[in-house]
């Protein structure tokens, strides 16, 4: 009965179709999750799709998503520094920039000063309120912490990135360190 009623509207058709496909191709389960509108990791179980297909449901990402939702407004931008753009999705917050994974900005032969400058301008212009530094569990992106960054040797930091890091250091303060991952959450310093 539910399936018949759902199939009558367009969204229902999309949900049912993607659910059917996801049962045969587990990696497409995320599509069902996105279109379901259920919006939680518990919803994955309700759709009979194993939650292990969703990295968003792993404890560290779920904890960070909850923190973001509790400490930001729905219209505020959040930057996930490193790898974890899916956190923007699960926290229901927009990314500050199109660079949801910053590794290209620090990859020799690919990076350009213009790209780093675009990220810098995006952070300033879009009024980023939180930055989550996931580099403790990801490689390819330098940490935001100055001391840690000095020891980073996995890529190349262009001289144009100095103003980006200085802006973050001057305008954000460490607000939280998240559990076993040691992800650092920086909050916009509203006193400035």
N, C-alpha and C. Protein backbone atom coordinates (compact mmCIF):
# COMPACT_ATOMS: atom_id res chain seq x y z
N UNK A 1 0.82 -1.19 0.00
CA UNK A 1 0.00 0.00 0.00
C UNK A 1 0.87 1.26 0.00
N UNK A 2 1.90 1.28 0.86
CA UNK A 2 2.83 2.41 0.92
C UNK A 2 3.51 2.60 -0.43
N UNK A 3 3.94 1.51 -1.01
CA UNK A 3 4.63 1.60 -2.29
C UNK A 3 3.72 2.17 -3.37
N UNK A 4 2.48 1.75 -3.40
CA UNK A 4 1.56 2.26 -4.41
C UNK A 4 1.29 3.75 -4.23
N UNK A 5 1.06 4.18 -2.99
CA UNK A 5 0.82 5.61 -2.74
C UNK A 5 2.06 6.43 -3.09
N UNK A 6 3.25 5.93 -2.70
CA UNK A 6 4.50 6.66 -2.97
C UNK A 6 4.77 6.77 -4.45
N UNK A 7 4.38 5.74 -5.20
CA UNK A 7 4.69 5.73 -6.62
C UNK A 7 3.89 6.77 -7.40
N UNK A 8 2.82 7.26 -6.81
CA UNK A 8 1.95 8.22 -7.50
C UNK A 8 2.61 9.58 -7.69
N UNK A 9 3.45 10.02 -6.75
CA UNK A 9 4.09 11.33 -6.94
C UNK A 9 5.52 11.13 -7.47
N UNK A 10 6.09 12.19 -8.03
CA UNK A 10 7.39 12.12 -8.69
C UNK A 10 8.50 11.73 -7.71
N UNK A 11 8.51 12.34 -6.52
CA UNK A 11 9.55 12.01 -5.55
C UNK A 11 9.45 10.54 -5.16
N UNK A 12 8.23 10.05 -4.98
CA UNK A 12 8.03 8.64 -4.65
C UNK A 12 8.60 7.72 -5.71
N UNK A 13 8.41 8.10 -6.97
CA UNK A 13 8.96 7.30 -8.07
C UNK A 13 10.47 7.24 -7.99
N UNK A 14 11.08 8.39 -7.68
CA UNK A 14 12.54 8.44 -7.58
C UNK A 14 13.02 7.58 -6.42
N UNK A 15 12.37 7.71 -5.27
CA UNK A 15 12.77 6.94 -4.09
C UNK A 15 12.65 5.45 -4.36
N UNK A 16 11.52 5.02 -4.88
CA UNK A 16 11.31 3.59 -5.11
C UNK A 16 12.29 3.06 -6.15
N UNK A 17 12.50 3.81 -7.20
CA UNK A 17 13.44 3.38 -8.24
C UNK A 17 14.85 3.26 -7.69
N UNK A 18 15.30 4.27 -6.94
CA UNK A 18 16.66 4.21 -6.41
C UNK A 18 16.80 3.15 -5.33
N UNK A 19 15.74 2.91 -4.56
CA UNK A 19 15.78 1.82 -3.59
C UNK A 19 15.95 0.48 -4.30
N UNK A 20 15.19 0.29 -5.37
CA UNK A 20 15.28 -0.96 -6.12
C UNK A 20 16.68 -1.16 -6.68
N UNK A 21 17.22 -0.10 -7.23
CA UNK A 21 18.57 -0.19 -7.79
C UNK A 21 19.59 -0.44 -6.69
N UNK A 22 19.43 0.25 -5.55
CA UNK A 22 20.42 0.14 -4.48
C UNK A 22 20.46 -1.25 -3.87
N UNK A 23 19.35 -1.99 -3.92
CA UNK A 23 19.38 -3.35 -3.40
C UNK A 23 20.29 -4.23 -4.26
N UNK A 24 20.39 -3.93 -5.53
CA UNK A 24 21.24 -4.74 -6.39
C UNK A 24 22.65 -4.16 -6.53
N UNK A 25 22.81 -2.86 -6.28
CA UNK A 25 24.12 -2.22 -6.35
C UNK A 25 24.31 -1.40 -5.07
N UNK A 26 24.94 -1.98 -4.04
CA UNK A 26 25.03 -1.33 -2.74
C UNK A 26 25.65 0.06 -2.75
N UNK A 27 26.60 0.32 -3.64
CA UNK A 27 27.23 1.65 -3.66
C UNK A 27 26.25 2.74 -4.04
N UNK A 28 25.13 2.40 -4.66
CA UNK A 28 24.13 3.40 -5.00
C UNK A 28 23.15 3.64 -3.86
N UNK A 29 23.37 2.97 -2.74
CA UNK A 29 22.50 3.17 -1.60
C UNK A 29 22.44 4.61 -1.14
N UNK A 30 23.53 5.33 -1.30
CA UNK A 30 23.57 6.73 -0.89
C UNK A 30 22.53 7.55 -1.64
N UNK A 31 22.29 7.21 -2.90
CA UNK A 31 21.28 7.92 -3.67
C UNK A 31 19.92 7.77 -2.99
N UNK A 32 19.61 6.56 -2.55
CA UNK A 32 18.35 6.34 -1.84
C UNK A 32 18.32 7.15 -0.57
N UNK A 33 19.42 7.20 0.11
CA UNK A 33 19.52 7.94 1.36
C UNK A 33 19.27 9.43 1.11
N UNK A 34 19.86 9.95 0.04
CA UNK A 34 19.69 11.37 -0.27
C UNK A 34 18.24 11.68 -0.61
N UNK A 35 17.63 10.88 -1.47
CA UNK A 35 16.28 11.18 -1.92
C UNK A 35 15.19 10.78 -0.92
N UNK A 36 15.57 10.00 0.08
CA UNK A 36 14.54 9.55 1.02
C UNK A 36 14.02 10.69 1.86
N UNK A 37 14.87 11.70 2.10
CA UNK A 37 14.46 12.80 2.95
C UNK A 37 14.38 12.40 4.41
N UNK A 38 14.86 11.21 4.73
CA UNK A 38 14.80 10.75 6.11
C UNK A 38 15.89 11.39 6.95
N UNK A 39 17.05 11.71 6.36
CA UNK A 39 18.06 12.55 6.97
C UNK A 39 18.77 12.05 8.20
N UNK A 40 18.86 10.78 8.46
CA UNK A 40 19.63 10.31 9.60
C UNK A 40 20.20 8.94 9.30
N UNK A 41 21.21 8.58 10.08
CA UNK A 41 21.81 7.27 9.89
C UNK A 41 20.84 6.16 10.26
N UNK A 42 19.94 6.42 11.23
CA UNK A 42 18.94 5.43 11.60
C UNK A 42 18.01 5.15 10.41
N UNK A 43 17.82 6.16 9.58
CA UNK A 43 16.94 6.01 8.42
C UNK A 43 17.49 4.99 7.44
N UNK A 44 18.81 4.85 7.42
CA UNK A 44 19.40 3.87 6.52
C UNK A 44 18.92 2.48 6.86
N UNK A 45 18.91 2.17 8.17
CA UNK A 45 18.42 0.86 8.61
C UNK A 45 16.95 0.67 8.27
N UNK A 46 16.19 1.76 8.38
CA UNK A 46 14.76 1.69 8.08
C UNK A 46 14.52 1.36 6.62
N UNK A 47 15.49 1.68 5.76
CA UNK A 47 15.34 1.41 4.34
C UNK A 47 15.92 0.05 3.97
N UNK A 48 16.35 -0.71 4.99
CA UNK A 48 16.90 -2.05 4.78
C UNK A 48 18.20 -2.04 3.99
N UNK A 49 18.93 -0.95 4.09
CA UNK A 49 20.24 -0.86 3.44
C UNK A 49 21.27 -0.84 4.54
N UNK A 50 22.23 -1.74 4.53
CA UNK A 50 23.20 -1.78 5.62
C UNK A 50 23.92 -0.44 5.79
N UNK A 51 24.01 0.03 7.03
CA UNK A 51 24.60 1.33 7.28
C UNK A 51 26.10 1.36 6.98
N UNK A 52 26.76 0.20 6.89
CA UNK A 52 28.19 0.22 6.60
C UNK A 52 28.47 0.73 5.19
N UNK A 53 27.46 0.86 4.36
CA UNK A 53 27.66 1.45 3.04
C UNK A 53 27.78 2.97 3.11
N UNK A 54 27.50 3.54 4.27
CA UNK A 54 27.47 4.98 4.42
C UNK A 54 28.54 5.43 5.39
N UNK A 55 29.63 5.98 4.87
CA UNK A 55 30.69 6.47 5.76
C UNK A 55 30.15 7.58 6.65
N UNK A 56 29.07 8.24 6.25
CA UNK A 56 28.47 9.30 7.05
C UNK A 56 27.94 8.77 8.36
N UNK A 57 27.68 7.47 8.44
CA UNK A 57 27.10 6.89 9.64
C UNK A 57 28.16 6.44 10.63
N UNK A 58 29.41 6.52 10.28
CA UNK A 58 30.45 6.15 11.21
C UNK A 58 30.49 7.17 12.34
N UNK A 59 30.78 6.71 13.51
CA UNK A 59 30.67 7.51 14.72
C UNK A 59 31.34 8.89 14.63
N UNK A 60 32.61 9.01 14.21
CA UNK A 60 33.23 10.35 14.20
C UNK A 60 32.48 11.34 13.31
N UNK A 61 32.09 10.92 12.13
CA UNK A 61 31.38 11.85 11.24
C UNK A 61 30.01 12.20 11.80
N UNK A 62 29.35 11.23 12.39
CA UNK A 62 28.05 11.48 12.96
C UNK A 62 28.15 12.46 14.14
N UNK A 63 29.18 12.30 14.99
CA UNK A 63 29.39 13.21 16.11
C UNK A 63 29.65 14.63 15.63
N UNK A 64 30.47 14.76 14.61
CA UNK A 64 30.78 16.09 14.07
C UNK A 64 29.54 16.71 13.46
N UNK A 65 28.76 15.93 12.73
CA UNK A 65 27.53 16.44 12.13
C UNK A 65 26.58 16.95 13.21
N UNK A 66 26.46 16.21 14.29
CA UNK A 66 25.60 16.64 15.39
C UNK A 66 26.12 17.93 16.02
N UNK A 67 27.44 18.03 16.19
CA UNK A 67 28.03 19.24 16.75
C UNK A 67 27.74 20.44 15.85
N UNK A 68 27.91 20.25 14.56
CA UNK A 68 27.68 21.33 13.60
C UNK A 68 26.22 21.79 13.66
N UNK A 69 25.30 20.85 13.63
CA UNK A 69 23.87 21.21 13.69
C UNK A 69 23.53 21.96 14.98
N UNK A 70 24.16 21.56 16.07
CA UNK A 70 23.86 22.20 17.37
C UNK A 70 24.50 23.58 17.52
N UNK A 71 25.56 23.85 16.75
CA UNK A 71 26.32 25.08 16.95
C UNK A 71 26.29 26.04 15.77
N UNK A 72 25.47 25.76 14.78
CA UNK A 72 25.32 26.66 13.63
C UNK A 72 23.85 26.77 13.27
N UNK A 73 23.55 27.79 12.51
CA UNK A 73 22.21 27.96 11.97
C UNK A 73 22.17 27.31 10.59
N UNK A 74 20.99 26.89 10.14
CA UNK A 74 20.90 26.23 8.83
C UNK A 74 21.44 27.04 7.65
N UNK A 75 21.44 28.36 7.74
CA UNK A 75 21.91 29.17 6.63
C UNK A 75 23.39 29.55 6.73
N UNK A 76 24.11 28.99 7.71
CA UNK A 76 25.52 29.31 7.88
C UNK A 76 26.40 28.26 7.19
N UNK A 77 27.52 28.73 6.63
CA UNK A 77 28.43 27.86 5.90
C UNK A 77 29.47 27.24 6.82
N UNK A 78 29.85 26.00 6.49
CA UNK A 78 30.85 25.25 7.24
C UNK A 78 31.87 24.70 6.25
N UNK A 79 33.15 24.85 6.58
CA UNK A 79 34.22 24.30 5.74
C UNK A 79 34.76 23.05 6.41
N UNK A 80 34.77 21.95 5.67
CA UNK A 80 35.41 20.73 6.14
C UNK A 80 36.79 20.73 5.51
N UNK A 81 37.82 20.89 6.33
CA UNK A 81 39.20 21.02 5.85
C UNK A 81 39.82 19.63 5.81
N UNK A 82 40.18 19.19 4.62
CA UNK A 82 40.75 17.86 4.43
C UNK A 82 39.80 17.04 3.59
N UNK A 83 39.33 15.93 4.14
CA UNK A 83 38.42 15.05 3.44
C UNK A 83 37.20 14.83 4.33
N UNK A 84 36.05 15.04 3.81
CA UNK A 84 34.85 14.83 4.59
C UNK A 84 33.72 15.72 4.16
N UNK A 85 33.67 16.04 2.88
CA UNK A 85 32.59 16.88 2.38
C UNK A 85 31.21 16.29 2.65
N UNK A 86 31.14 14.99 2.86
CA UNK A 86 29.85 14.38 3.18
C UNK A 86 29.33 14.87 4.53
N UNK A 87 30.23 15.40 5.36
CA UNK A 87 29.79 15.96 6.64
C UNK A 87 28.87 17.15 6.40
N UNK A 88 29.15 17.93 5.36
CA UNK A 88 28.25 19.03 5.02
C UNK A 88 26.85 18.50 4.75
N UNK A 89 26.78 17.37 4.05
CA UNK A 89 25.49 16.78 3.73
C UNK A 89 24.77 16.31 4.98
N UNK A 90 25.46 15.52 5.82
CA UNK A 90 24.79 14.95 6.99
C UNK A 90 24.48 16.01 8.06
N UNK A 91 25.23 17.09 8.07
CA UNK A 91 24.93 18.16 9.03
C UNK A 91 23.93 19.16 8.46
N UNK A 92 23.59 18.98 7.19
CA UNK A 92 22.65 19.86 6.50
C UNK A 92 23.14 21.31 6.47
N UNK A 93 24.45 21.47 6.25
CA UNK A 93 25.05 22.80 6.15
C UNK A 93 25.81 22.89 4.84
N UNK A 94 25.74 24.04 4.22
CA UNK A 94 26.39 24.28 2.94
C UNK A 94 27.89 24.41 3.12
N UNK A 95 28.64 23.90 2.17
CA UNK A 95 30.08 24.09 2.16
C UNK A 95 30.39 25.53 1.77
N UNK A 96 31.43 26.04 2.34
CA UNK A 96 31.88 27.40 2.07
C UNK A 96 32.33 27.57 0.63
N UNK A 97 32.81 26.50 0.03
CA UNK A 97 33.51 26.58 -1.25
C UNK A 97 33.24 25.37 -2.12
N UNK A 98 33.59 25.49 -3.37
CA UNK A 98 33.50 24.34 -4.25
C UNK A 98 34.61 23.33 -3.98
N UNK A 99 35.65 23.77 -3.24
CA UNK A 99 36.77 22.88 -2.90
C UNK A 99 36.43 22.09 -1.65
N UNK A 100 35.54 21.12 -1.80
CA UNK A 100 35.14 20.31 -0.65
C UNK A 100 36.25 19.35 -0.24
N UNK A 101 37.16 19.04 -1.14
CA UNK A 101 38.38 18.30 -0.85
C UNK A 101 39.52 19.19 -1.31
N UNK A 102 40.39 19.56 -0.38
CA UNK A 102 41.42 20.54 -0.70
C UNK A 102 42.72 19.94 -1.22
N UNK A 103 42.83 18.64 -1.33
CA UNK A 103 44.09 18.03 -1.77
C UNK A 103 44.60 18.57 -3.10
N UNK A 104 43.75 18.90 -4.08
CA UNK A 104 44.29 19.46 -5.32
C UNK A 104 45.04 20.77 -5.11
N UNK A 105 44.69 21.51 -4.06
CA UNK A 105 45.36 22.78 -3.80
C UNK A 105 46.79 22.60 -3.31
N UNK A 106 47.14 21.36 -2.95
CA UNK A 106 48.47 21.09 -2.41
C UNK A 106 49.16 19.96 -3.16
N UNK A 107 48.68 19.68 -4.37
CA UNK A 107 49.25 18.64 -5.22
C UNK A 107 50.12 19.28 -6.28
N UNK A 108 51.41 18.97 -6.23
CA UNK A 108 52.35 19.55 -7.18
C UNK A 108 51.95 19.19 -8.61
N UNK A 109 52.01 20.18 -9.48
CA UNK A 109 51.65 19.99 -10.87
C UNK A 109 50.19 20.27 -11.17
N UNK A 110 49.37 20.29 -10.16
CA UNK A 110 47.96 20.57 -10.35
C UNK A 110 47.56 21.91 -9.76
N UNK A 111 48.15 22.21 -8.63
CA UNK A 111 47.78 23.40 -7.88
C UNK A 111 48.15 24.70 -8.62
N UNK A 112 47.38 25.72 -8.30
CA UNK A 112 47.64 27.05 -8.85
C UNK A 112 47.31 28.07 -7.78
N UNK A 113 48.04 29.18 -7.79
CA UNK A 113 47.77 30.25 -6.83
C UNK A 113 46.32 30.72 -6.92
N UNK A 114 45.76 30.73 -8.13
CA UNK A 114 44.38 31.19 -8.30
C UNK A 114 43.40 30.33 -7.52
N UNK A 115 43.67 29.02 -7.45
CA UNK A 115 42.78 28.11 -6.74
C UNK A 115 42.82 28.40 -5.23
N UNK A 116 44.03 28.57 -4.71
CA UNK A 116 44.18 28.88 -3.28
C UNK A 116 43.54 30.22 -2.97
N UNK A 117 43.72 31.18 -3.86
CA UNK A 117 43.11 32.50 -3.66
C UNK A 117 41.58 32.41 -3.69
N UNK A 118 41.04 31.58 -4.57
CA UNK A 118 39.59 31.40 -4.62
C UNK A 118 39.07 30.84 -3.30
N UNK A 119 39.77 29.86 -2.74
CA UNK A 119 39.36 29.29 -1.45
C UNK A 119 39.41 30.36 -0.36
N UNK A 120 40.48 31.14 -0.35
CA UNK A 120 40.62 32.24 0.62
C UNK A 120 39.45 33.21 0.51
N UNK A 121 39.13 33.62 -0.70
CA UNK A 121 38.02 34.56 -0.91
C UNK A 121 36.67 33.93 -0.53
N UNK A 122 36.50 32.65 -0.82
CA UNK A 122 35.26 31.97 -0.44
C UNK A 122 35.06 31.97 1.07
N UNK A 123 36.13 31.70 1.81
CA UNK A 123 36.03 31.68 3.28
C UNK A 123 35.66 33.07 3.79
N UNK A 124 36.26 34.09 3.25
CA UNK A 124 35.97 35.46 3.69
C UNK A 124 34.57 35.91 3.27
N UNK A 125 34.26 35.73 2.01
CA UNK A 125 33.00 36.23 1.45
C UNK A 125 31.77 35.50 1.98
N UNK A 126 31.88 34.20 2.16
CA UNK A 126 30.73 33.39 2.55
C UNK A 126 30.51 33.32 4.05
N UNK A 127 31.27 34.09 4.77
CA UNK A 127 31.08 34.17 6.22
C UNK A 127 31.07 32.78 6.88
N UNK A 128 32.11 32.05 6.64
CA UNK A 128 32.27 30.73 7.25
C UNK A 128 32.24 30.86 8.77
N UNK A 129 31.45 30.02 9.45
CA UNK A 129 31.36 30.11 10.90
C UNK A 129 32.11 28.98 11.61
N UNK A 130 32.27 27.83 10.95
CA UNK A 130 33.03 26.72 11.52
C UNK A 130 33.94 26.13 10.45
N UNK A 131 35.11 25.69 10.90
CA UNK A 131 36.01 24.92 10.05
C UNK A 131 36.36 23.65 10.82
N UNK A 132 36.13 22.51 10.20
CA UNK A 132 36.46 21.22 10.81
C UNK A 132 37.72 20.70 10.13
N UNK A 133 38.80 20.58 10.90
CA UNK A 133 40.08 20.10 10.38
C UNK A 133 40.14 18.59 10.56
N UNK A 134 40.01 17.85 9.45
CA UNK A 134 40.00 16.39 9.48
C UNK A 134 41.36 15.79 9.12
N UNK A 135 42.40 16.63 9.06
CA UNK A 135 43.69 16.16 8.56
C UNK A 135 44.38 15.15 9.48
N UNK A 136 43.91 14.98 10.71
CA UNK A 136 44.51 13.97 11.58
C UNK A 136 44.24 12.55 11.07
N UNK A 137 43.21 12.40 10.24
CA UNK A 137 42.87 11.09 9.69
C UNK A 137 42.91 11.07 8.16
N UNK A 138 43.43 12.13 7.57
CA UNK A 138 43.48 12.21 6.11
C UNK A 138 44.85 12.73 5.68
N UNK A 139 45.29 12.32 4.54
CA UNK A 139 46.57 12.82 4.03
C UNK A 139 46.31 13.70 2.81
N UNK A 140 47.34 14.40 2.40
CA UNK A 140 47.22 15.21 1.20
C UNK A 140 46.86 16.66 1.42
N UNK A 141 46.51 17.02 2.65
CA UNK A 141 46.13 18.38 2.99
C UNK A 141 46.85 18.77 4.28
N UNK A 142 47.52 19.93 4.29
CA UNK A 142 48.25 20.32 5.51
C UNK A 142 47.29 20.69 6.64
N UNK A 143 47.68 20.39 7.87
CA UNK A 143 46.85 20.76 9.02
C UNK A 143 46.73 22.28 9.15
N UNK A 144 45.66 22.73 9.78
CA UNK A 144 45.49 24.16 10.02
C UNK A 144 46.39 24.65 11.15
N UNK A 145 46.67 23.78 12.11
CA UNK A 145 47.55 24.14 13.21
C UNK A 145 48.96 24.45 12.68
N UNK A 146 49.46 25.62 13.04
CA UNK A 146 50.75 26.09 12.50
C UNK A 146 51.89 25.13 12.82
N UNK A 147 51.97 24.65 14.05
CA UNK A 147 53.05 23.74 14.44
C UNK A 147 52.99 22.43 13.67
N UNK A 148 51.80 21.88 13.53
CA UNK A 148 51.61 20.64 12.77
C UNK A 148 51.94 20.85 11.29
N UNK A 149 51.55 22.00 10.78
CA UNK A 149 51.77 22.31 9.36
C UNK A 149 53.25 22.38 9.02
N UNK A 150 54.06 22.87 9.95
CA UNK A 150 55.51 22.96 9.71
C UNK A 150 56.13 21.59 9.49
N UNK A 151 55.54 20.55 10.08
CA UNK A 151 56.07 19.19 9.95
C UNK A 151 55.47 18.43 8.78
N UNK A 152 54.45 18.99 8.16
CA UNK A 152 53.75 18.31 7.07
C UNK A 152 54.63 18.24 5.83
N UNK A 153 54.74 17.06 5.22
CA UNK A 153 55.63 16.89 4.06
C UNK A 153 54.98 16.10 2.93
N UNK A 154 53.68 16.04 2.90
CA UNK A 154 53.01 15.19 1.91
C UNK A 154 52.68 15.91 0.62
N UNK A 155 52.90 17.19 0.55
CA UNK A 155 52.57 17.95 -0.65
C UNK A 155 53.35 19.25 -0.67
N UNK A 156 52.86 20.19 -1.42
CA UNK A 156 53.54 21.48 -1.56
C UNK A 156 52.57 22.58 -1.15
N UNK A 157 53.06 23.46 -0.28
CA UNK A 157 52.25 24.61 0.13
C UNK A 157 52.77 25.83 -0.64
N UNK A 158 51.92 26.35 -1.52
CA UNK A 158 52.30 27.52 -2.30
C UNK A 158 52.42 28.73 -1.38
N UNK A 159 53.27 29.66 -1.77
CA UNK A 159 53.43 30.87 -0.95
C UNK A 159 52.12 31.66 -0.88
N UNK A 160 51.27 31.53 -1.88
CA UNK A 160 49.98 32.21 -1.88
C UNK A 160 49.04 31.70 -0.79
N UNK A 161 49.34 30.53 -0.24
CA UNK A 161 48.50 29.96 0.82
C UNK A 161 48.76 30.63 2.16
N UNK A 162 49.85 31.37 2.27
CA UNK A 162 50.17 32.02 3.54
C UNK A 162 49.04 32.92 4.02
N UNK A 163 48.46 33.70 3.11
CA UNK A 163 47.38 34.60 3.53
C UNK A 163 46.14 33.83 3.95
N UNK A 164 45.90 32.67 3.34
CA UNK A 164 44.79 31.81 3.72
C UNK A 164 44.96 31.34 5.16
N UNK A 165 46.15 30.79 5.46
CA UNK A 165 46.40 30.29 6.81
C UNK A 165 46.42 31.43 7.83
N UNK A 166 46.97 32.57 7.47
CA UNK A 166 46.97 33.73 8.37
C UNK A 166 45.55 34.20 8.67
N UNK A 167 44.70 34.23 7.65
CA UNK A 167 43.32 34.64 7.85
C UNK A 167 42.61 33.69 8.83
N UNK A 168 42.81 32.40 8.65
CA UNK A 168 42.18 31.42 9.53
C UNK A 168 42.72 31.59 10.96
N UNK A 169 44.03 31.73 11.11
CA UNK A 169 44.62 31.91 12.44
C UNK A 169 44.12 33.18 13.12
N UNK A 170 43.94 34.24 12.35
CA UNK A 170 43.52 35.52 12.92
C UNK A 170 42.02 35.59 13.23
N UNK A 171 41.22 34.80 12.53
CA UNK A 171 39.77 34.95 12.64
C UNK A 171 39.02 33.76 13.22
N UNK A 172 39.70 32.68 13.49
CA UNK A 172 39.07 31.49 14.05
C UNK A 172 39.83 31.04 15.29
N UNK A 173 39.07 30.48 16.23
CA UNK A 173 39.70 29.95 17.44
C UNK A 173 39.28 28.50 17.62
N UNK A 174 40.16 27.72 18.23
CA UNK A 174 39.86 26.32 18.47
C UNK A 174 38.69 26.23 19.45
N UNK A 175 37.64 25.51 19.05
CA UNK A 175 36.45 25.40 19.89
C UNK A 175 36.27 24.00 20.47
N UNK A 176 36.74 22.99 19.73
CA UNK A 176 36.45 21.61 20.14
C UNK A 176 37.43 20.66 19.48
N UNK A 177 37.79 19.61 20.21
CA UNK A 177 38.54 18.50 19.62
C UNK A 177 37.64 17.28 19.74
N UNK A 178 37.43 16.59 18.63
CA UNK A 178 36.46 15.50 18.60
C UNK A 178 37.12 14.14 18.82
N UNK A 179 36.86 13.56 19.95
CA UNK A 179 37.15 12.17 20.31
C UNK A 179 38.36 11.51 19.71
N UNK A 180 38.16 10.28 19.29
CA UNK A 180 39.24 9.41 18.83
C UNK A 180 39.93 9.88 17.55
N UNK A 181 39.26 10.69 16.75
CA UNK A 181 39.86 11.15 15.49
C UNK A 181 40.77 12.36 15.70
N UNK A 182 40.60 13.05 16.81
CA UNK A 182 41.32 14.30 17.08
C UNK A 182 41.04 15.37 16.03
N UNK A 183 39.88 15.31 15.41
CA UNK A 183 39.50 16.37 14.49
C UNK A 183 39.33 17.65 15.29
N UNK A 184 39.79 18.74 14.73
CA UNK A 184 39.72 20.03 15.41
C UNK A 184 38.63 20.89 14.78
N UNK A 185 37.83 21.48 15.61
CA UNK A 185 36.77 22.36 15.11
C UNK A 185 37.11 23.79 15.52
N UNK A 186 37.22 24.64 14.52
CA UNK A 186 37.53 26.04 14.74
C UNK A 186 36.27 26.85 14.52
N UNK A 187 36.04 27.79 15.41
CA UNK A 187 34.86 28.63 15.35
C UNK A 187 35.27 30.06 15.03
N UNK A 188 34.45 30.72 14.22
CA UNK A 188 34.70 32.12 13.88
C UNK A 188 34.76 32.95 15.15
N UNK A 189 35.80 33.75 15.29
CA UNK A 189 35.96 34.60 16.45
C UNK A 189 35.10 35.84 16.22
N UNK A 190 33.95 35.88 16.84
CA UNK A 190 32.98 36.96 16.60
C UNK A 190 33.40 38.26 17.24
N UNK A 191 34.42 38.25 18.08
CA UNK A 191 34.89 39.46 18.73
C UNK A 191 35.66 40.36 17.78
N UNK A 192 36.10 39.83 16.66
CA UNK A 192 36.89 40.61 15.70
C UNK A 192 36.02 41.43 14.82
